[in-house]
N, C-alpha and C. Protein backbone atom coordinates (compact mmCIF):
# COMPACT_ATOMS: atom_id res chain seq x y z
N MET A 1 29.95 76.49 42.43
CA MET A 1 28.85 76.20 43.68
C MET A 1 27.88 75.33 43.36
N SER A 2 27.65 74.36 44.16
CA SER A 2 26.39 74.02 43.99
C SER A 2 25.40 73.83 44.72
N TRP A 3 23.93 73.98 44.56
CA TRP A 3 23.17 74.40 44.98
C TRP A 3 22.71 72.83 46.01
N ARG A 4 23.00 73.35 47.23
CA ARG A 4 22.30 72.50 48.47
C ARG A 4 20.97 72.31 49.24
N ARG A 5 20.35 71.47 49.13
CA ARG A 5 18.84 71.51 50.03
C ARG A 5 18.95 72.01 51.26
N PRO A 6 18.21 72.76 51.86
CA PRO A 6 18.20 73.50 53.46
C PRO A 6 18.19 71.82 54.12
N ALA A 7 18.87 71.83 55.53
CA ALA A 7 18.67 70.85 56.46
C ALA A 7 17.51 70.60 56.82
N TRP A 8 16.46 71.96 56.81
CA TRP A 8 15.41 71.57 57.35
C TRP A 8 14.00 71.30 56.01
N LYS A 9 14.35 71.04 54.98
CA LYS A 9 13.75 70.57 53.89
C LYS A 9 14.47 69.39 53.98
N GLU A 10 14.78 68.65 54.89
CA GLU A 10 15.06 67.41 54.60
C GLU A 10 14.20 66.41 55.72
N ARG A 11 13.91 66.96 56.65
CA ARG A 11 13.12 66.49 57.86
C ARG A 11 11.62 66.18 57.04
N ARG A 12 11.18 64.87 57.66
CA ARG A 12 9.52 64.63 56.95
C ARG A 12 9.13 64.31 58.18
N TYR A 13 7.63 64.36 58.18
CA TYR A 13 6.55 64.48 58.66
C TYR A 13 5.55 63.59 58.35
N ARG A 14 4.63 62.87 59.02
CA ARG A 14 3.03 62.64 58.27
C ARG A 14 2.46 63.42 58.89
N LEU A 15 1.52 64.42 57.78
CA LEU A 15 0.98 65.42 58.38
C LEU A 15 -0.43 65.08 57.32
N HIS A 16 -1.68 65.42 58.30
CA HIS A 16 -2.59 65.41 57.27
C HIS A 16 -3.92 66.57 58.04
N CYS A 17 -4.05 67.41 56.88
CA CYS A 17 -5.13 68.47 57.37
C CYS A 17 -6.67 67.67 57.23
N LEU A 18 -7.22 67.52 58.16
CA LEU A 18 -8.46 66.96 57.91
C LEU A 18 -9.60 68.22 57.55
N ASN A 19 -9.47 69.12 57.00
CA ASN A 19 -10.23 70.29 56.54
C ASN A 19 -9.77 70.69 54.82
N ASP A 20 -8.89 70.23 54.64
CA ASP A 20 -8.00 70.28 53.08
C ASP A 20 -9.33 69.53 51.98
N ASN A 21 -9.77 68.66 52.09
CA ASN A 21 -10.53 68.12 51.29
C ASN A 21 -11.66 68.55 51.23
N ILE A 22 -12.57 69.74 50.68
CA ILE A 22 -13.91 69.91 50.66
C ILE A 22 -14.91 68.70 50.03
N PRO A 23 -14.59 68.09 48.99
CA PRO A 23 -15.76 67.26 48.30
C PRO A 23 -15.80 65.89 49.77
N SER A 24 -14.62 65.30 50.09
CA SER A 24 -14.85 64.30 51.24
C SER A 24 -15.79 65.26 52.52
N LEU A 25 -15.43 66.40 52.94
CA LEU A 25 -16.13 67.35 54.07
C LEU A 25 -17.31 67.27 53.59
N MET A 26 -17.75 67.73 52.53
CA MET A 26 -19.22 67.65 52.20
C MET A 26 -19.73 66.47 51.80
N ALA A 27 -19.01 65.42 51.48
CA ALA A 27 -20.04 64.10 51.57
C ALA A 27 -19.96 63.50 52.97
N ILE A 28 -19.04 63.73 54.09
CA ILE A 28 -19.54 63.19 55.08
C ILE A 28 -20.46 63.88 55.98
N ALA A 29 -20.80 65.53 55.63
CA ALA A 29 -21.25 66.29 56.28
C ALA A 29 -22.89 66.18 56.09
N ASN A 30 -23.17 65.83 54.26
CA ASN A 30 -24.28 65.45 53.72
C ASN A 30 -24.83 64.09 54.01
N ASP A 31 -23.69 63.18 54.06
CA ASP A 31 -24.20 61.71 54.73
C ASP A 31 -24.62 61.53 56.14
N LEU A 32 -23.79 61.98 56.85
CA LEU A 32 -23.84 61.55 58.61
C LEU A 32 -23.95 62.97 58.97
N SER A 33 -23.30 63.82 59.19
CA SER A 33 -23.46 65.15 60.25
C SER A 33 -22.18 65.89 60.19
N TYR A 34 -22.61 67.26 59.68
CA TYR A 34 -21.55 67.77 59.78
C TYR A 34 -20.48 68.10 61.13
N ASP A 35 -21.15 67.43 62.33
CA ASP A 35 -20.68 67.28 63.62
C ASP A 35 -19.61 66.28 63.31
N ASN A 36 -19.38 65.55 62.36
CA ASN A 36 -18.84 64.17 62.45
C ASN A 36 -17.81 64.39 61.38
N VAL A 37 -17.33 65.37 60.23
CA VAL A 37 -16.80 65.50 59.31
C VAL A 37 -15.35 65.19 59.60
N PHE A 38 -14.69 65.30 61.11
CA PHE A 38 -13.21 65.07 61.29
C PHE A 38 -12.97 64.22 62.08
N VAL A 39 -14.14 63.76 62.95
CA VAL A 39 -13.92 62.02 64.03
C VAL A 39 -13.69 61.29 62.75
N GLU A 40 -14.73 61.22 61.57
CA GLU A 40 -14.75 60.37 60.59
C GLU A 40 -13.86 60.19 59.68
N GLN A 41 -12.82 61.21 59.60
CA GLN A 41 -11.58 60.79 58.94
C GLN A 41 -10.47 60.71 59.65
N LEU A 42 -10.80 60.56 60.87
CA LEU A 42 -9.80 60.22 61.80
C LEU A 42 -9.90 58.75 61.92
N ARG A 43 -11.08 58.17 62.13
CA ARG A 43 -11.33 56.62 61.63
C ARG A 43 -10.56 55.99 60.66
N ASN A 44 -10.43 56.89 59.81
CA ASN A 44 -9.54 56.18 58.51
C ASN A 44 -8.27 56.30 58.68
N PHE A 45 -7.62 57.63 59.24
CA PHE A 45 -6.31 57.83 58.85
C PHE A 45 -5.25 58.03 60.14
N TYR A 46 -5.93 57.46 61.59
CA TYR A 46 -5.26 57.79 62.71
C TYR A 46 -4.25 56.39 62.71
N ARG A 47 -3.21 56.59 63.38
CA ARG A 47 -2.25 55.15 63.96
C ARG A 47 -2.22 55.49 65.31
N GLU A 48 -2.07 54.64 65.60
CA GLU A 48 -1.60 54.89 67.10
C GLU A 48 -0.51 55.57 67.56
N GLY A 49 -0.55 56.37 68.81
CA GLY A 49 0.35 57.28 69.18
C GLY A 49 0.46 58.48 68.13
N ASP A 50 -0.56 58.84 67.23
CA ASP A 50 -0.22 60.21 66.71
C ASP A 50 -0.64 61.06 67.35
N VAL A 51 -0.28 62.61 67.05
CA VAL A 51 -0.72 63.61 67.65
C VAL A 51 -1.73 64.19 66.80
N VAL A 52 -2.71 64.69 67.40
CA VAL A 52 -3.90 65.54 66.87
C VAL A 52 -4.23 66.65 67.50
N LEU A 53 -3.85 67.13 66.56
CA LEU A 53 -4.45 69.00 66.91
C LEU A 53 -5.48 69.58 66.45
N GLY A 54 -6.36 70.27 67.14
CA GLY A 54 -7.60 70.69 67.23
C GLY A 54 -7.80 72.12 67.41
N ILE A 55 -8.25 72.75 66.50
CA ILE A 55 -8.27 74.38 66.76
C ILE A 55 -9.65 74.58 66.56
N SER A 56 -10.04 75.78 67.92
CA SER A 56 -11.53 75.94 68.35
C SER A 56 -11.23 77.31 68.96
N GLY A 57 -11.70 78.53 68.48
CA GLY A 57 -11.80 79.92 69.05
C GLY A 57 -12.42 79.68 70.12
N SER A 58 -13.70 79.13 70.44
CA SER A 58 -14.41 79.38 71.48
C SER A 58 -14.12 77.89 72.10
N GLY A 59 -13.34 76.82 71.68
CA GLY A 59 -13.17 75.44 72.31
C GLY A 59 -14.50 74.93 72.65
N ASN A 60 -15.55 75.09 71.43
CA ASN A 60 -16.96 74.35 71.49
C ASN A 60 -17.29 74.08 70.63
N SER A 61 -16.78 73.97 69.17
CA SER A 61 -17.09 73.56 68.07
C SER A 61 -17.31 72.09 67.87
N GLU A 62 -18.01 71.58 67.70
CA GLU A 62 -19.05 70.25 68.28
C GLU A 62 -18.23 69.27 66.99
N ASN A 63 -17.87 69.89 66.12
CA ASN A 63 -16.98 68.55 65.07
C ASN A 63 -15.60 68.78 65.41
N VAL A 64 -15.20 69.59 65.93
CA VAL A 64 -13.75 69.50 66.50
C VAL A 64 -13.66 69.10 68.13
N VAL A 65 -14.45 69.24 68.67
CA VAL A 65 -14.89 68.50 69.95
C VAL A 65 -14.87 67.13 70.12
N ARG A 66 -15.63 66.29 69.05
CA ARG A 66 -16.13 65.18 68.69
C ARG A 66 -14.67 64.41 68.51
N ALA A 67 -13.96 65.17 67.53
CA ALA A 67 -12.48 64.61 66.68
C ALA A 67 -11.46 64.59 67.87
N LEU A 68 -11.61 65.38 68.68
CA LEU A 68 -10.57 65.50 69.92
C LEU A 68 -10.98 64.30 70.68
N ARG A 69 -12.00 64.16 71.53
CA ARG A 69 -12.57 63.19 72.11
C ARG A 69 -12.48 61.62 71.69
N TRP A 70 -12.52 61.47 70.25
CA TRP A 70 -12.50 60.19 69.93
C TRP A 70 -10.88 59.68 69.64
N ALA A 71 -9.90 61.24 69.53
CA ALA A 71 -8.74 60.84 69.33
C ALA A 71 -8.19 60.35 70.99
N ALA A 72 -8.33 61.44 71.63
CA ALA A 72 -7.93 60.87 73.01
C ALA A 72 -8.39 59.77 73.17
N GLU A 73 -9.73 59.22 73.36
CA GLU A 73 -9.87 57.71 73.58
C GLU A 73 -8.95 56.68 72.91
N ASN A 74 -8.80 57.18 71.69
CA ASN A 74 -7.89 56.18 71.01
C ASN A 74 -6.23 56.24 71.46
N GLY A 75 -6.01 57.22 72.35
CA GLY A 75 -4.37 56.94 72.47
C GLY A 75 -3.78 58.26 71.78
N ALA A 76 -4.51 59.07 71.13
CA ALA A 76 -3.75 59.85 70.99
C ALA A 76 -3.32 60.85 71.67
N VAL A 77 -1.94 61.96 71.53
CA VAL A 77 -1.71 63.12 71.78
C VAL A 77 -2.70 63.95 71.22
N THR A 78 -3.00 64.49 72.36
CA THR A 78 -4.34 65.81 71.65
C THR A 78 -3.86 67.21 72.47
N ILE A 79 -4.21 68.12 71.35
CA ILE A 79 -3.58 69.42 71.35
C ILE A 79 -4.45 70.34 71.14
N GLY A 80 -4.87 71.03 72.10
CA GLY A 80 -5.85 71.94 71.47
C GLY A 80 -5.35 73.91 71.72
N PHE A 81 -5.89 74.55 70.73
CA PHE A 81 -5.89 76.04 70.60
C PHE A 81 -6.92 76.34 70.79
N THR A 82 -7.13 77.30 72.12
CA THR A 82 -8.68 77.67 71.89
C THR A 82 -8.62 79.05 72.37
N GLY A 83 -9.72 79.87 72.88
CA GLY A 83 -9.94 81.30 72.81
C GLY A 83 -10.78 81.22 74.16
N TYR A 84 -11.31 82.39 74.11
CA TYR A 84 -12.38 82.67 75.47
C TYR A 84 -12.28 81.58 76.65
N ASP A 85 -13.03 80.86 77.04
CA ASP A 85 -12.93 80.04 78.28
C ASP A 85 -12.34 78.74 78.11
N GLY A 86 -12.15 78.34 76.76
CA GLY A 86 -11.35 77.34 76.55
C GLY A 86 -12.59 75.96 76.26
N GLY A 87 -13.63 76.19 76.55
CA GLY A 87 -14.89 75.45 76.56
C GLY A 87 -14.34 73.87 76.79
N ALA A 88 -15.25 72.88 76.16
CA ALA A 88 -14.93 71.48 76.09
C ALA A 88 -13.66 70.99 75.33
N VAL A 89 -12.90 71.93 74.42
CA VAL A 89 -11.50 71.59 74.16
C VAL A 89 -10.54 71.30 75.01
N ARG A 90 -10.53 72.56 75.87
CA ARG A 90 -9.26 72.86 76.56
C ARG A 90 -9.50 71.61 78.03
N ARG A 91 -10.79 70.88 78.43
CA ARG A 91 -10.94 69.93 78.87
C ARG A 91 -10.34 68.40 78.18
N ILE A 92 -10.71 68.16 77.08
CA ILE A 92 -10.65 67.17 76.45
C ILE A 92 -8.96 67.23 76.19
N CYS A 93 -8.17 67.83 75.79
CA CYS A 93 -7.17 67.88 75.03
C CYS A 93 -5.77 67.47 76.66
N ARG A 94 -4.88 66.82 75.98
CA ARG A 94 -3.61 66.67 77.13
C ARG A 94 -2.79 68.12 77.34
N TYR A 95 -2.69 68.64 76.00
CA TYR A 95 -2.30 70.09 76.32
C TYR A 95 -3.34 70.85 75.45
N ASN A 96 -2.82 72.23 75.85
CA ASN A 96 -3.77 73.11 75.11
C ASN A 96 -3.00 74.45 75.41
N LEU A 97 -3.22 75.19 74.02
CA LEU A 97 -2.48 76.57 74.17
C LEU A 97 -4.04 77.24 74.06
N HIS A 98 -4.21 77.97 75.10
CA HIS A 98 -5.13 78.51 75.32
C HIS A 98 -5.25 80.31 75.56
N ILE A 99 -5.53 80.99 74.73
CA ILE A 99 -5.82 82.56 74.63
C ILE A 99 -6.86 82.98 75.63
N PRO A 100 -6.93 83.45 76.50
CA PRO A 100 -7.76 84.00 77.59
C PRO A 100 -8.28 85.48 77.17
N LEU A 101 -8.90 85.00 75.79
CA LEU A 101 -9.41 86.33 75.66
C LEU A 101 -10.96 86.43 75.10
N ASN A 102 -11.69 87.08 75.18
CA ASN A 102 -12.88 87.07 74.17
C ASN A 102 -13.38 87.78 73.02
N ASP A 103 -12.09 87.87 72.30
CA ASP A 103 -12.14 88.73 70.96
C ASP A 103 -11.69 87.48 69.90
N MET A 104 -12.40 86.90 69.11
CA MET A 104 -11.77 86.05 67.97
C MET A 104 -10.91 86.31 67.20
N GLN A 105 -11.00 87.27 66.84
CA GLN A 105 -10.12 88.02 65.54
C GLN A 105 -8.36 87.72 66.30
N ILE A 106 -8.02 88.43 67.31
CA ILE A 106 -7.19 88.19 68.23
C ILE A 106 -6.95 86.84 68.37
N VAL A 107 -7.72 86.15 69.33
CA VAL A 107 -7.00 84.73 69.15
C VAL A 107 -6.63 84.16 68.46
N GLU A 108 -7.67 84.12 66.93
CA GLU A 108 -7.38 83.79 65.91
C GLU A 108 -6.10 84.24 65.45
N ASP A 109 -5.44 85.09 65.48
CA ASP A 109 -4.21 85.84 65.02
C ASP A 109 -3.17 85.60 65.85
N LEU A 110 -3.33 85.10 67.40
CA LEU A 110 -2.49 84.59 68.23
C LEU A 110 -2.52 83.00 67.75
N HIS A 111 -3.21 82.62 67.36
CA HIS A 111 -3.39 81.12 67.02
C HIS A 111 -2.22 80.77 65.75
N LEU A 112 -2.41 81.81 65.09
CA LEU A 112 -1.78 82.03 63.58
C LEU A 112 0.00 81.85 64.20
N VAL A 113 0.10 83.20 65.23
CA VAL A 113 1.53 83.02 65.26
C VAL A 113 1.98 81.85 66.04
N ALA A 114 1.29 80.83 66.76
CA ALA A 114 1.59 79.67 67.16
C ALA A 114 2.10 78.96 66.35
N ASN A 115 1.18 78.71 65.07
CA ASN A 115 1.31 77.85 64.05
C ASN A 115 2.58 77.87 63.32
N HIS A 116 2.69 79.33 63.17
CA HIS A 116 4.62 79.32 62.60
C HIS A 116 5.37 79.61 63.91
N CYS A 117 5.40 79.40 64.99
CA CYS A 117 6.16 78.88 66.06
C CYS A 117 6.50 77.50 65.88
N MET A 118 4.91 76.74 65.55
CA MET A 118 5.60 75.39 65.44
C MET A 118 6.46 74.82 64.09
N MET A 119 5.88 75.62 63.17
CA MET A 119 6.87 75.11 61.83
C MET A 119 8.20 75.43 62.38
N LYS A 120 8.53 76.71 62.67
CA LYS A 120 10.27 77.07 63.14
C LYS A 120 10.65 75.83 63.94
N ILE A 121 10.14 75.54 64.76
CA ILE A 121 10.35 74.03 65.71
C ILE A 121 10.62 73.00 65.25
N LEU A 122 9.81 72.61 64.46
CA LEU A 122 9.80 71.32 63.48
C LEU A 122 10.85 71.62 62.46
N CYS A 123 11.22 72.50 61.57
CA CYS A 123 11.94 72.66 60.86
C CYS A 123 13.28 72.84 61.55
N GLY A 124 13.43 73.28 62.31
CA GLY A 124 14.88 73.65 63.02
C GLY A 124 15.60 74.51 62.48
N GLU A 125 14.69 75.28 62.43
CA GLU A 125 14.98 76.82 62.19
C GLU A 125 15.39 77.80 63.04
């Protein structure tokens, strides 16, 4: 019996997490502003038609708000994950997963569940 790669591992997506590169985040924050750490990266990586997902428990994290606003203005499909009343992110995004609770831990936990569901959907499991 030979080993066969699962079908879901054959799918390829062009994904980039804007908070994974700590040196870049710190350089942008120090040189420009922490409020711009995500939008400055989007200016480099964004391609027309991309999907941009922003997560903000309150919906008012300025760095996330600026990035999503820039993305929306430049034609991206914008998705927000929010809690509380949804804040600015809820108003900016084309799509929004809003957890209408005033408890950050529960909001974050439910966002994590949604992230795992997206993985299952995208990977076709």
